[in-house]
Protein backbone atom coordinates (compact mmCIF):
# COMPACT_ATOMS: atom_id res chain seq x y z
CA UNK A 1 -2.09 236.75 160.09
CA UNK A 2 0.90 236.38 162.50
CA UNK A 3 2.55 234.21 159.88
CA UNK A 4 0.21 231.36 160.32
CA UNK A 5 -1.31 229.47 157.37
CA UNK A 6 -5.01 229.11 157.23
CA UNK A 7 -6.62 226.05 158.62
CA UNK A 8 -7.95 223.57 155.98
CA UNK A 9 -10.42 220.77 156.78
CA UNK A 10 -8.88 217.54 155.63
CA UNK A 11 -10.77 215.75 153.07
CA UNK A 12 -12.03 212.25 154.01
CA UNK A 13 -10.26 209.37 152.24
CA UNK A 14 -12.85 207.32 150.41
CA UNK A 15 -12.79 203.64 151.46
CA UNK A 16 -14.12 200.88 149.33
CA UNK A 17 -17.34 199.27 150.50
CA UNK A 18 -16.92 195.97 152.29
CA UNK A 19 -18.83 193.24 150.45
CA UNK A 20 -21.12 195.57 148.92
CA UNK A 21 -22.12 193.07 146.26
CA UNK A 22 -22.99 190.54 148.88
CA UNK A 23 -25.18 192.98 150.85
CA UNK A 24 -27.10 193.82 147.71
CA UNK A 25 -27.22 190.12 146.51
CA UNK A 26 -27.99 188.45 149.84
CA UNK A 27 -31.68 189.83 150.24
CA UNK A 28 -32.35 189.02 146.58
CA UNK A 29 -30.89 185.66 146.92
CA UNK A 30 -32.90 184.90 149.97
CA UNK A 31 -36.14 185.91 148.32
CA UNK A 32 -35.31 183.73 145.33
CA UNK A 33 -34.51 180.76 147.69
CA UNK A 34 -37.70 181.39 149.52
CA UNK A 35 -39.76 181.26 146.48
CA UNK A 36 -37.97 178.22 144.96
CA UNK A 37 -38.29 176.14 148.18
CA UNK A 38 -41.92 177.21 148.85
CA UNK A 39 -43.07 176.61 145.19
CA UNK A 40 -41.38 173.28 144.88
CA UNK A 41 -42.64 172.01 148.16
CA UNK A 42 -46.09 173.34 147.46
CA UNK A 43 -46.11 171.55 144.13
CA UNK A 44 -44.99 168.28 145.68
CA UNK A 45 -47.69 168.53 148.36
CA UNK A 46 -50.40 169.44 145.79
CA UNK A 47 -49.33 166.48 143.64
CA UNK A 48 -49.57 164.07 146.43
CA UNK A 49 -53.14 165.37 147.20
CA UNK A 50 -54.13 165.08 143.52
CA UNK A 51 -52.71 161.51 143.33
CA UNK A 52 -54.52 160.58 146.46
CA UNK A 53 -57.82 161.84 145.20
CA UNK A 54 -57.34 160.08 141.80
CA UNK A 55 -56.30 156.91 143.50
CA UNK A 56 -58.97 156.75 146.23
CA UNK A 57 -61.98 158.55 144.87
CA UNK A 58 -61.81 158.18 141.17
CA UNK A 59 -60.01 154.90 141.12
CA UNK A 60 -57.65 156.15 138.24
CA UNK A 61 -56.19 152.93 136.75
CA UNK A 62 -53.33 155.01 135.29
CA UNK A 63 -52.23 156.19 138.81
CA UNK A 64 -52.61 152.74 140.25
CA UNK A 65 -50.35 151.07 137.59
CA UNK A 66 -47.68 153.79 137.62
CA UNK A 67 -47.63 154.72 141.42
CA UNK A 68 -43.88 154.29 141.80
CA UNK A 69 -42.97 156.40 138.88
CA UNK A 70 -45.38 159.08 140.02
CA UNK A 71 -43.84 158.96 143.56
CA UNK A 72 -40.32 159.35 142.17
CA UNK A 73 -41.37 162.33 140.14
CA UNK A 74 -43.00 164.14 143.10
CA UNK A 75 -40.00 163.09 145.30
CA UNK A 76 -37.71 164.95 143.06
CA UNK A 77 -39.67 168.21 143.30
CA UNK A 78 -39.91 167.72 147.06
CA UNK A 79 -36.14 167.09 147.38
CA UNK A 80 -35.17 170.25 145.50
CA UNK A 81 -37.51 172.40 147.62
CA UNK A 82 -36.25 170.56 150.78
CA UNK A 83 -32.58 171.20 150.02
CA UNK A 84 -33.13 174.92 149.07
CA UNK A 85 -35.20 175.55 152.23
CA UNK A 86 -32.52 173.72 154.34
CA UNK A 87 -29.76 176.00 152.97
CA UNK A 88 -31.96 179.08 153.21
CA UNK A 89 -32.75 178.33 156.89
CA UNK A 90 -29.47 177.04 158.15
CA UNK A 91 -26.96 178.89 156.00
CA UNK A 92 -28.64 182.12 155.11
CA UNK A 93 -30.66 182.28 158.30
CA UNK A 94 -33.87 183.18 156.58
CA UNK A 95 -36.36 184.11 159.30
CA UNK A 96 -39.52 183.83 157.02
CA UNK A 97 -38.88 180.27 155.92
CA UNK A 98 -39.34 178.40 159.28
CA UNK A 99 -42.72 180.17 159.74
CA UNK A 100 -43.78 179.07 156.16
CA UNK A 101 -42.52 175.53 156.55
CA UNK A 102 -44.41 175.27 159.94
CA UNK A 103 -47.65 176.19 158.02
CA UNK A 104 -46.85 173.64 155.33
CA UNK A 105 -46.39 171.20 158.17
CA UNK A 106 -49.75 171.74 159.41
CA UNK A 107 -51.12 171.65 155.98
CA UNK A 108 -49.49 168.29 155.36
CA UNK A 109 -50.86 166.92 158.69
CA UNK A 110 -54.27 167.92 157.46
CA UNK A 111 -53.63 166.11 154.28
CA UNK A 112 -52.30 162.99 156.02
CA UNK A 113 -55.55 163.02 158.41
CA UNK A 114 -57.85 163.14 155.33
CA UNK A 115 -55.93 160.48 153.63
CA UNK A 116 -56.12 158.34 156.66
CA UNK A 117 -59.94 158.77 156.87
CA UNK A 118 -60.33 157.95 153.13
CA UNK A 119 -58.11 154.76 153.51
CA UNK A 120 -60.07 153.97 156.65
CA UNK A 121 -63.27 154.09 154.63
CA UNK A 122 -61.74 151.74 151.98
CA UNK A 123 -60.76 149.27 154.75
CA UNK A 124 -64.12 149.40 156.40
CA UNK A 125 -65.87 148.71 153.09
CA UNK A 126 -63.53 145.68 152.43
CA UNK A 127 -63.59 146.64 148.66
CA UNK A 128 -59.92 146.34 147.82
CA UNK A 129 -57.33 143.85 146.70
CA UNK A 130 -53.97 143.32 148.60
CA UNK A 131 -52.15 145.09 145.82
CA UNK A 132 -54.30 148.01 146.38
CA UNK A 133 -53.68 147.82 150.11
CA UNK A 134 -49.89 147.89 149.50
CA UNK A 135 -50.37 151.09 147.41
CA UNK A 136 -52.49 152.67 150.10
CA UNK A 137 -49.56 151.98 152.49
CA UNK A 138 -47.06 153.39 150.19
CA UNK A 139 -49.03 156.53 149.60
CA UNK A 140 -49.47 157.06 153.42
CA UNK A 141 -45.71 156.30 153.96
CA UNK A 142 -44.71 158.84 151.37
CA UNK A 143 -46.95 161.48 152.94
CA UNK A 144 -45.56 160.79 156.48
CA UNK A 145 -42.00 160.97 155.06
CA UNK A 146 -42.73 164.23 153.44
CA UNK A 147 -44.06 165.52 156.82
CA UNK A 148 -41.05 164.37 158.75
CA UNK A 149 -38.84 166.06 156.22
CA UNK A 150 -40.63 169.33 156.89
CA UNK A 151 -40.14 168.87 160.63
CA UNK A 152 -36.29 168.36 160.13
CA UNK A 153 -36.08 171.65 158.47
CA UNK A 154 -37.10 173.71 161.52
CA UNK A 155 -34.89 173.75 164.55
CA UNK A 156 -36.40 172.88 167.97
CA UNK A 157 -39.70 171.86 166.12
CA UNK A 158 -42.06 170.02 168.54
CA UNK A 159 -44.11 167.10 166.98
CA UNK A 160 -46.23 166.54 169.97
CA UNK A 161 -49.06 168.87 168.93
CA UNK A 162 -49.09 167.27 165.48
CA UNK A 163 -49.62 163.79 166.95
CA UNK A 164 -53.04 164.55 168.46
CA UNK A 165 -55.17 164.41 165.39
CA UNK A 166 -53.48 161.13 164.19
CA UNK A 167 -54.04 159.57 167.62
CA UNK A 168 -57.81 160.59 167.51
CA UNK A 169 -58.18 158.91 164.06
CA UNK A 170 -56.36 155.80 165.09
CA UNK A 171 -58.70 155.46 168.10
CA UNK A 172 -61.63 155.74 165.73
CA UNK A 173 -60.01 153.07 163.52
CA UNK A 174 -59.63 150.79 166.48
CA UNK A 175 -63.30 151.16 167.53
CA UNK A 176 -64.43 150.48 164.13
CA UNK A 177 -62.29 147.32 163.87
CA UNK A 178 -63.81 146.10 167.07
CA UNK A 179 -67.44 146.98 165.90
CA UNK A 180 -66.85 145.56 162.38
CA UNK A 181 -65.32 142.26 163.38
CA UNK A 182 -67.36 141.57 166.52
CA UNK A 183 -70.76 143.06 165.83
CA UNK A 184 -71.23 143.49 162.18
CA UNK A 185 -73.05 140.70 160.56
CA UNK A 186 -71.75 140.94 157.09
CA UNK A 187 -67.93 140.93 157.40
CA UNK A 188 -65.07 139.17 155.64
CA UNK A 189 -62.49 138.14 158.37
CA UNK A 190 -59.82 137.72 155.65
CA UNK A 191 -59.36 141.52 155.76
CA UNK A 192 -58.57 141.76 159.45
CA UNK A 193 -54.84 141.48 158.79
CA UNK A 194 -54.94 144.60 156.67
CA UNK A 195 -57.04 146.57 159.22
CA UNK A 196 -54.69 145.62 162.15
CA UNK A 197 -51.46 146.23 160.22
CA UNK A 198 -52.53 149.75 159.13
CA UNK A 199 -53.86 150.55 162.58
CA UNK A 200 -50.50 149.54 164.20
CA UNK A 201 -48.51 151.48 161.73
CA UNK A 202 -50.34 154.73 162.16
CA UNK A 203 -50.61 154.15 165.99
CA UNK A 204 -46.80 153.72 166.22
CA UNK A 205 -46.19 156.84 164.10
CA UNK A 206 -48.44 158.95 166.22
CA UNK A 207 -47.22 157.57 169.58
CA UNK A 208 -43.66 158.15 168.62
CA UNK A 209 -44.55 161.77 167.57
CA UNK A 210 -46.36 162.22 171.02
CA UNK A 211 -43.53 160.73 173.05
CA UNK A 212 -40.86 162.81 171.47
CA UNK A 213 -38.30 160.06 172.01
CA UNK A 214 -35.54 161.45 169.75
CA UNK A 215 -35.91 158.81 166.97
CA UNK A 216 -34.87 161.51 164.48
CA UNK A 217 -32.01 162.92 166.61
CA UNK A 218 -29.43 161.20 164.58
CA UNK A 219 -30.55 162.98 161.44
CA UNK A 220 -30.92 166.29 163.03
CA UNK A 221 -27.50 166.03 164.67
CA UNK A 222 -25.94 165.19 161.29
CA UNK A 223 -27.65 168.29 159.80
CA UNK A 224 -26.40 170.37 162.75
CA UNK A 225 -22.82 169.29 162.08
CA UNK A 226 -23.02 170.18 158.52
CA UNK A 227 -24.19 173.71 159.32
CA UNK A 228 -22.34 174.34 162.57
CA UNK A 229 -20.24 177.57 162.63
CA UNK A 230 -16.50 177.35 161.61
CA UNK A 231 -13.82 178.10 164.30
CA UNK A 232 -13.63 181.69 162.85
CA UNK A 233 -17.37 181.97 162.85
CA UNK A 234 -17.71 182.94 159.36
CA UNK A 235 -20.34 180.45 158.25
CA UNK A 236 -22.59 183.10 156.96
CA UNK A 237 -22.13 184.05 153.32
CA UNK A 238 -22.05 187.77 154.07
CA UNK A 239 -18.78 187.29 156.11
CA UNK A 240 -17.08 185.35 153.35
CA UNK A 241 -14.79 187.06 150.85
């Protein structure tokens, strides 16, 4: 009418989806990384607990003779889980992993506390050789290193609450040392060195945790530099082409 052409609604021009594959893959990849990290770390933690029981309770001779090979094997599983968790938290910004790792940290602390009490019993009984004492120390050192590794995975993680159980056990250890070597009638003073050395090591560890002196700041800063955003801000995988 009036020579005018009828109005036609312009058809929308289809645009290709941006990073469609990444948006689909990222949630699946995060779930896979979550499972791999938690399973690997969990296997390592359970393995340490199993070795400690076999070593201290059942006096498994095979465990005692091959302690270094066993620790290396467990460390491999732990390292894989730790690296995957680190990438998942710092690179993919997984929000579930830090909560799960924090639970693992508390579980590891519980294991360290039980291990300390078990070793403390062996020290009090004075039924060990110096080679066994060295292996007790190695076992405890491995457990503490595993705990510190979990701590480093979580940003702004506070170690002070974790120090309280260890300080309490260390104080009990001190009181037992005093009672044993002062008041007990049947005691071998040759074992005093082992008691004092283990007590000082655990006390130093727990006090450093309590004071939060920044002993691990260098390692944490290195991790921060590795994963700090690029100048264009596209560190996240979904922003990369």
